[in-house]
Each structure stands twice: as structure tokens, then as C-alpha cells.
Amino acid sequence: MSNSRTLAEPNAARFSNTQDDVFGRIATRYDLLCDLFSLWIHRYWKRRVAAVVAAEPWRDLLDIACGTGDIVLRVLQRSQRSPSVTGRRIVAADISPQMLAIAHRRLARCGHDVELRQLDAHSMAAVPAGSIDLCSISLGLKICNRTLVLAEALRVLRPGGRIVVLEASNIPLRWLHTAYLSYMSACMPLVGWLATGGDASAYRYLLEGIREFPTAEALADEMREAGFGDVYFERLSLGIVAIHVARKP
């Protein structure tokens, strides 16, 4: 993983939704792909993120690049077993209407009103500045321009508000990280090809994003440079992914 490449390319996957509506095409198979690519471990990662989000004090939550609604669903499930979400506002946002349609069906069964909005994480003009207590984004930053998304999250957060990011990371043992990337390079194309009926872009972007995403330490530095403070991270599954938490001053 090259630091110079990371600094030069803030979009690790070099993905543009205006050029390829891949997530619209694979929306109905997206959850299956997550299961297959991660060998079902992503469910543990998302439970942990939901626990982090639920433990934070917030009244207004914005889940950016929500996909099929996994994180919000898990936050609501945790809330049903502990403090009520009565009086809290939850917004689940994604650029893909196909993803949002699936999220709507899944979240409708929770008994809590969730506002679903089609928003581009790079520019959320419809969200007023300083109106959100907590922003979360899970496994979506690798396909975004990190600089723009972090700046926009900082803008919409209230002073003292938090951001929680789950994303690909680095296994500290270099030889093990190299072995992991080799495994993903060998397995992801085959699994992705089978699960998507040969839609190569569905796994090409994800694989590129994993390869080129910054280390946990480098992403923490980027968050500080974006204006966040009190940045810390927690590695999961040896460092395959990490959860970063930071505060708007």
C-alpha cells in the first residue's frame, strides 16, 4: 500500500457513480456479495459499529451511504433492547435509489420512523450546517473522495458532534496483510463473477478500494487534517477493517 498513491488519490477505488451505476445494478445482490466477500464477518463488524453508534449521545443521526440499511437496522435493534429511540431522528441516506428502496422495505418492519433520503455524500446541500449530532459511514468511504466526504460531514455536524467510520484497513503484520490481499485478489473476482452474473465492475471497485485504502494511522491523520479532533480507531479482525471515531471541535 503506497502512501504516495493514497495522498494522490483520495478516492481509493477511483469510482464515479456518474460513470457507472454499478450499485444500482447489484442492489438486490449487494447483501449476498458482502456475505461472500467477507465470509459473513461483515455482520460482526456492523454489530460493533451499531454498538459504538448506540453508545454515543445523539438526537439526530445521519447514516451516509447507508446501502440497504444495515447499520440503521442494527442501531434500532439495539435500541429495542435498551434505551428507546423516541424523540430521536434518524436519516438514512444513499445516492442509489435502488439501495434506498431495499432499505425502506427492511426498515419499515422496525416500528420506528426513519427518514430515507437520496443524497450524494460529497455534497449534501439539503442538510443544514450544524444540524446533526452523529454521522456514520460504513464500508462506503473507499468508493468516495475522502477529502470531500469528511469536509461535508464536518459541515453538517454540530459542534461536539461525532463521526463514526467503518472501513477497510491494514493488518499491522506486513506479511499477513500481503497474504490477505493476495487471497482477496484470487478469490474476489471468482466470487464476484458468480454472484453478479459476470458484472466485473461490481468487484473491481471493491478490490481496488481495499488495496489502495489508507492505513488506520493514515486515515486518522486525514481526519485530523479535515478538522476533526479526539480521533481514535479500533482494529477489527486483525486489522482487515477499522472503526474510526472523531469529534467536531
Protein backbone atom coordinates (compact mmCIF):
# COMPACT_ATOMS: atom_id res chain seq x y z
CA MET A 1 0.00 0.00 0.00
CA SER A 2 1.64 3.21 -1.16
CA ASN A 3 1.40 6.35 0.95
CA SER A 4 2.13 8.49 -2.13
CA ARG A 5 -0.70 6.80 -4.01
CA THR A 6 -3.03 7.34 -1.05
CA LEU A 7 -2.20 11.04 -0.91
CA ALA A 8 -2.57 11.45 -4.67
CA GLU A 9 -5.86 9.56 -4.97
CA PRO A 10 -8.42 10.41 -2.25
CA ASN A 11 -10.90 8.04 -3.95
CA ALA A 12 -9.23 4.68 -3.26
CA ALA A 13 -11.37 2.80 -5.79
CA ARG A 14 -11.27 5.60 -8.38
CA PHE A 15 -15.04 5.15 -8.62
CA SER A 16 -17.58 7.60 -10.04
CA ASN A 17 -21.28 6.85 -9.76
CA THR A 18 -21.95 9.17 -12.70
CA GLN A 19 -19.92 6.89 -14.95
CA ASP A 20 -21.04 3.51 -13.63
CA ASP A 21 -24.29 2.79 -11.77
CA VAL A 22 -22.88 -0.50 -10.52
CA PHE A 23 -24.55 -0.32 -7.10
CA GLY A 24 -27.92 0.24 -8.72
CA ARG A 25 -27.36 -2.87 -10.83
CA ILE A 26 -26.31 -5.09 -7.93
CA ALA A 27 -28.60 -3.67 -5.22
CA THR A 28 -30.64 -6.86 -4.90
CA ARG A 29 -27.44 -8.93 -4.58
CA TYR A 30 -25.40 -6.50 -2.50
CA ASP A 31 -26.01 -8.17 0.86
CA LEU A 32 -25.13 -11.55 -0.61
CA LEU A 33 -21.90 -10.12 -2.01
CA CYS A 34 -20.98 -8.71 1.41
CA ASP A 35 -21.55 -12.13 2.96
CA LEU A 36 -19.49 -13.95 0.34
CA PHE A 37 -16.62 -11.45 0.13
CA SER A 38 -16.19 -11.29 3.92
CA LEU A 39 -17.19 -14.89 4.70
CA TRP A 40 -20.06 -13.41 6.75
CA ILE A 41 -17.66 -11.49 9.07
CA HIS A 42 -19.07 -8.12 7.98
CA ARG A 43 -22.09 -8.86 10.16
CA TYR A 44 -19.87 -8.79 13.24
CA TRP A 45 -18.22 -5.56 12.05
CA LYS A 46 -21.59 -3.90 11.62
CA ARG A 47 -22.85 -5.09 15.01
CA ARG A 48 -19.78 -3.48 16.54
CA VAL A 49 -20.38 -0.21 14.67
CA ALA A 50 -24.02 -0.22 15.79
CA ALA A 51 -22.83 -0.67 19.39
CA VAL A 52 -20.48 2.32 19.02
CA VAL A 53 -23.23 4.47 17.49
CA ALA A 54 -25.81 3.44 20.09
CA ALA A 55 -23.40 4.27 22.93
CA GLU A 56 -22.90 7.86 21.72
CA PRO A 57 -25.19 10.66 22.90
CA TRP A 58 -27.20 11.91 19.91
CA ARG A 59 -30.58 13.23 18.96
CA ASP A 60 -30.06 13.43 15.18
CA LEU A 61 -28.26 10.59 13.38
CA LEU A 62 -27.25 10.66 9.71
CA ASP A 63 -26.07 7.37 8.22
CA ILE A 64 -24.27 8.27 4.99
CA ALA A 65 -24.02 5.78 2.10
CA CYS A 66 -26.46 3.61 4.03
CA GLY A 67 -26.80 0.98 1.30
CA THR A 68 -29.53 -1.48 2.23
CA GLY A 69 -29.85 -0.03 5.74
CA ASP A 70 -27.73 -2.49 7.69
CA ILE A 71 -26.27 -0.07 10.22
CA VAL A 72 -29.51 1.78 10.98
CA LEU A 73 -31.32 -1.55 11.27
CA ARG A 74 -28.80 -2.77 13.83
CA VAL A 75 -28.89 0.50 15.77
CA LEU A 76 -32.68 0.19 16.01
CA GLN A 77 -32.46 -3.44 17.06
CA ARG A 78 -30.06 -2.50 19.87
CA SER A 79 -32.33 0.36 20.91
CA GLN A 80 -35.27 -2.03 21.26
CA ARG A 81 -33.29 -3.91 23.93
CA SER A 82 -32.09 -0.79 25.75
CA PRO A 83 -32.98 2.92 25.70
CA SER A 84 -35.84 3.93 23.43
CA VAL A 85 -35.21 5.98 20.30
CA THR A 86 -38.35 8.01 20.98
CA GLY A 87 -37.63 11.65 20.24
CA ARG A 88 -34.61 10.84 18.13
CA ARG A 89 -34.39 11.49 14.39
CA ILE A 90 -32.63 9.02 12.12
CA VAL A 91 -31.80 9.81 8.50
CA ALA A 92 -30.51 7.05 6.21
CA ALA A 93 -29.01 8.48 3.03
CA ASP A 94 -27.61 6.95 -0.14
CA ILE A 95 -27.07 8.09 -3.70
CA SER A 96 -28.66 4.93 -5.13
CA PRO A 97 -32.49 4.83 -5.28
CA GLN A 98 -32.33 1.07 -5.73
CA MET A 99 -30.40 0.68 -2.47
CA LEU A 100 -32.81 3.03 -0.70
CA ALA A 101 -35.80 1.01 -1.91
CA ILE A 102 -34.37 -2.11 -0.25
CA ALA A 103 -33.51 -0.14 2.90
CA HIS A 104 -37.09 1.15 3.02
CA ARG A 105 -38.54 -2.37 2.95
CA ARG A 106 -36.14 -3.60 5.65
CA LEU A 107 -36.55 -0.61 7.96
CA ALA A 108 -40.34 -0.44 7.64
CA ARG A 109 -40.57 -3.50 9.87
CA CYS A 110 -38.78 -1.81 12.80
CA GLY A 111 -41.65 0.28 14.05
CA HIS A 112 -39.56 3.48 14.07
CA ASP A 113 -39.80 6.22 11.50
CA VAL A 114 -36.54 6.50 9.57
CA GLU A 115 -36.19 9.29 7.05
CA LEU A 116 -34.74 7.93 3.79
CA ARG A 117 -33.07 10.49 1.55
CA GLN A 118 -31.25 10.27 -1.75
CA LEU A 119 -28.07 12.24 -1.09
CA ASP A 120 -24.58 12.38 -2.54
CA ALA A 121 -22.14 12.13 0.39
CA HIS A 122 -19.78 14.55 -1.38
CA SER A 123 -22.30 17.39 -1.35
CA MET A 124 -25.34 17.27 0.94
CA ALA A 125 -26.67 20.78 0.41
CA ALA A 126 -30.13 19.70 1.61
CA VAL A 127 -28.70 19.00 5.08
CA PRO A 128 -28.24 22.26 7.00
CA ALA A 129 -24.87 23.03 8.54
CA GLY A 130 -24.59 22.15 12.21
CA SER A 131 -27.82 20.10 12.26
CA ILE A 132 -26.55 16.56 13.01
CA ASP A 133 -25.18 15.05 16.22
CA LEU A 134 -23.64 11.92 14.72
CA CYS A 135 -22.65 10.91 11.19
CA SER A 136 -21.82 7.31 10.34
CA ILE A 137 -20.49 5.77 7.14
CA SER A 138 -19.73 2.08 6.83
CA LEU A 139 -17.77 0.43 4.01
CA GLY A 140 -18.60 3.31 1.69
CA LEU A 141 -15.67 5.68 2.09
CA LYS A 142 -13.43 3.57 -0.15
CA ILE A 143 -15.57 4.46 -3.18
CA CYS A 144 -15.78 8.17 -2.32
CA ASN A 145 -13.48 11.14 -2.39
CA ARG A 146 -12.49 11.05 1.27
CA THR A 147 -11.49 14.71 1.39
CA LEU A 148 -14.89 15.90 0.20
CA VAL A 149 -16.92 13.46 2.32
CA LEU A 150 -15.04 14.26 5.52
CA ALA A 151 -15.40 18.01 4.85
CA GLU A 152 -19.14 17.60 4.28
CA ALA A 153 -19.55 15.51 7.44
CA LEU A 154 -17.72 18.20 9.41
CA ARG A 155 -20.05 20.84 7.95
CA VAL A 156 -23.33 19.12 8.88
CA LEU A 157 -22.21 18.11 12.39
CA ARG A 158 -22.97 20.28 15.37
CA PRO A 159 -20.00 21.42 17.47
CA GLY A 160 -19.07 18.43 19.60
CA GLY A 161 -20.79 16.06 17.17
CA ARG A 162 -19.22 12.71 16.29
CA ILE A 163 -18.34 10.82 13.15
CA VAL A 164 -18.08 7.02 13.12
CA VAL A 165 -16.38 5.37 10.14
CA LEU A 166 -16.10 1.63 9.41
CA GLU A 167 -13.74 0.95 6.54
CA ALA A 168 -11.05 -1.27 5.10
CA SER A 169 -7.75 -1.01 6.92
CA ASN A 170 -4.35 -2.67 7.22
CA ILE A 171 -3.21 -5.71 9.15
CA PRO A 172 -0.13 -4.40 11.06
CA LEU A 173 1.89 -7.51 10.23
CA ARG A 174 3.01 -6.67 6.69
CA TRP A 175 3.46 -10.27 5.55
CA LEU A 176 -0.04 -11.16 6.77
CA HIS A 177 -1.57 -8.11 5.11
CA THR A 178 0.17 -9.04 1.85
CA ALA A 179 -1.17 -12.60 2.15
CA TYR A 180 -4.69 -11.25 2.79
CA LEU A 181 -4.55 -9.02 -0.29
CA SER A 182 -3.29 -11.94 -2.38
CA TYR A 183 -6.19 -14.06 -1.14
CA MET A 184 -8.71 -11.32 -1.96
CA SER A 185 -7.16 -10.81 -5.40
CA ALA A 186 -7.54 -14.52 -6.14
CA CYS A 187 -10.98 -15.12 -4.63
CA MET A 188 -12.91 -11.89 -5.09
CA PRO A 189 -13.04 -11.97 -8.92
CA LEU A 190 -14.37 -15.53 -8.96
CA VAL A 191 -16.91 -14.99 -6.18
CA GLY A 192 -17.97 -11.66 -7.63
CA TRP A 193 -18.32 -13.05 -11.14
CA LEU A 194 -20.50 -15.92 -9.92
CA ALA A 195 -22.67 -13.76 -7.63
CA THR A 196 -23.23 -10.95 -10.14
CA GLY A 197 -23.58 -12.97 -13.30
CA GLY A 198 -20.31 -11.67 -14.71
CA ASP A 199 -20.62 -7.97 -13.77
CA ALA A 200 -16.90 -7.35 -13.35
CA SER A 201 -17.16 -3.77 -12.09
CA ALA A 202 -19.12 -4.96 -9.03
CA TYR A 203 -15.98 -6.46 -7.54
CA ARG A 204 -13.27 -4.48 -9.37
CA TYR A 205 -14.10 -1.28 -7.47
CA LEU A 206 -14.28 -3.04 -4.12
CA LEU A 207 -10.98 -4.84 -4.64
CA GLU A 208 -9.23 -1.65 -5.78
CA GLY A 209 -10.67 0.21 -2.80
CA ILE A 210 -9.38 -2.40 -0.36
CA ARG A 211 -5.91 -2.43 -1.92
CA GLU A 212 -5.47 1.34 -2.01
CA PHE A 213 -7.27 2.48 1.13
CA PRO A 214 -5.06 4.24 3.72
CA THR A 215 -3.74 2.53 6.80
CA ALA A 216 -5.66 3.11 10.03
CA GLU A 217 -2.99 5.58 11.12
CA ALA A 218 -3.08 7.45 7.80
CA LEU A 219 -6.87 7.75 7.84
CA ALA A 220 -6.71 9.09 11.40
CA ASP A 221 -4.25 11.73 10.16
CA GLU A 222 -6.59 12.64 7.28
CA MET A 223 -9.47 13.10 9.74
CA ARG A 224 -7.35 15.42 11.86
CA GLU A 225 -6.34 17.38 8.75
CA ALA A 226 -10.02 17.67 7.86
CA GLY A 227 -10.63 19.43 11.16
CA PHE A 228 -11.72 16.62 13.48
CA GLY A 229 -10.32 16.14 16.96
CA ASP A 230 -10.16 13.35 19.54
CA VAL A 231 -9.57 10.84 16.74
CA TYR A 232 -9.13 7.21 17.71
CA PHE A 233 -9.58 3.88 15.99
CA GLU A 234 -10.26 0.26 16.79
CA ARG A 235 -8.99 -2.53 14.53
CA LEU A 236 -11.29 -5.50 13.95
CA SER A 237 -10.43 -8.95 12.59
CA LEU A 238 -6.67 -8.40 12.92
CA GLY A 239 -6.97 -5.10 11.07
CA ILE A 240 -8.89 -6.12 7.96
CA VAL A 241 -11.18 -3.22 8.88
CA ALA A 242 -11.10 -0.49 11.49
CA ILE A 243 -13.66 1.73 13.19
CA HIS A 244 -12.60 5.37 13.44
CA VAL A 245 -14.36 7.77 15.80
CA ALA A 246 -13.72 11.52 15.87
CA ARG A 247 -15.30 14.72 17.19
CA LYS A 248 -16.04 18.07 15.63
CA PRO A 249 -14.43 20.70 17.89
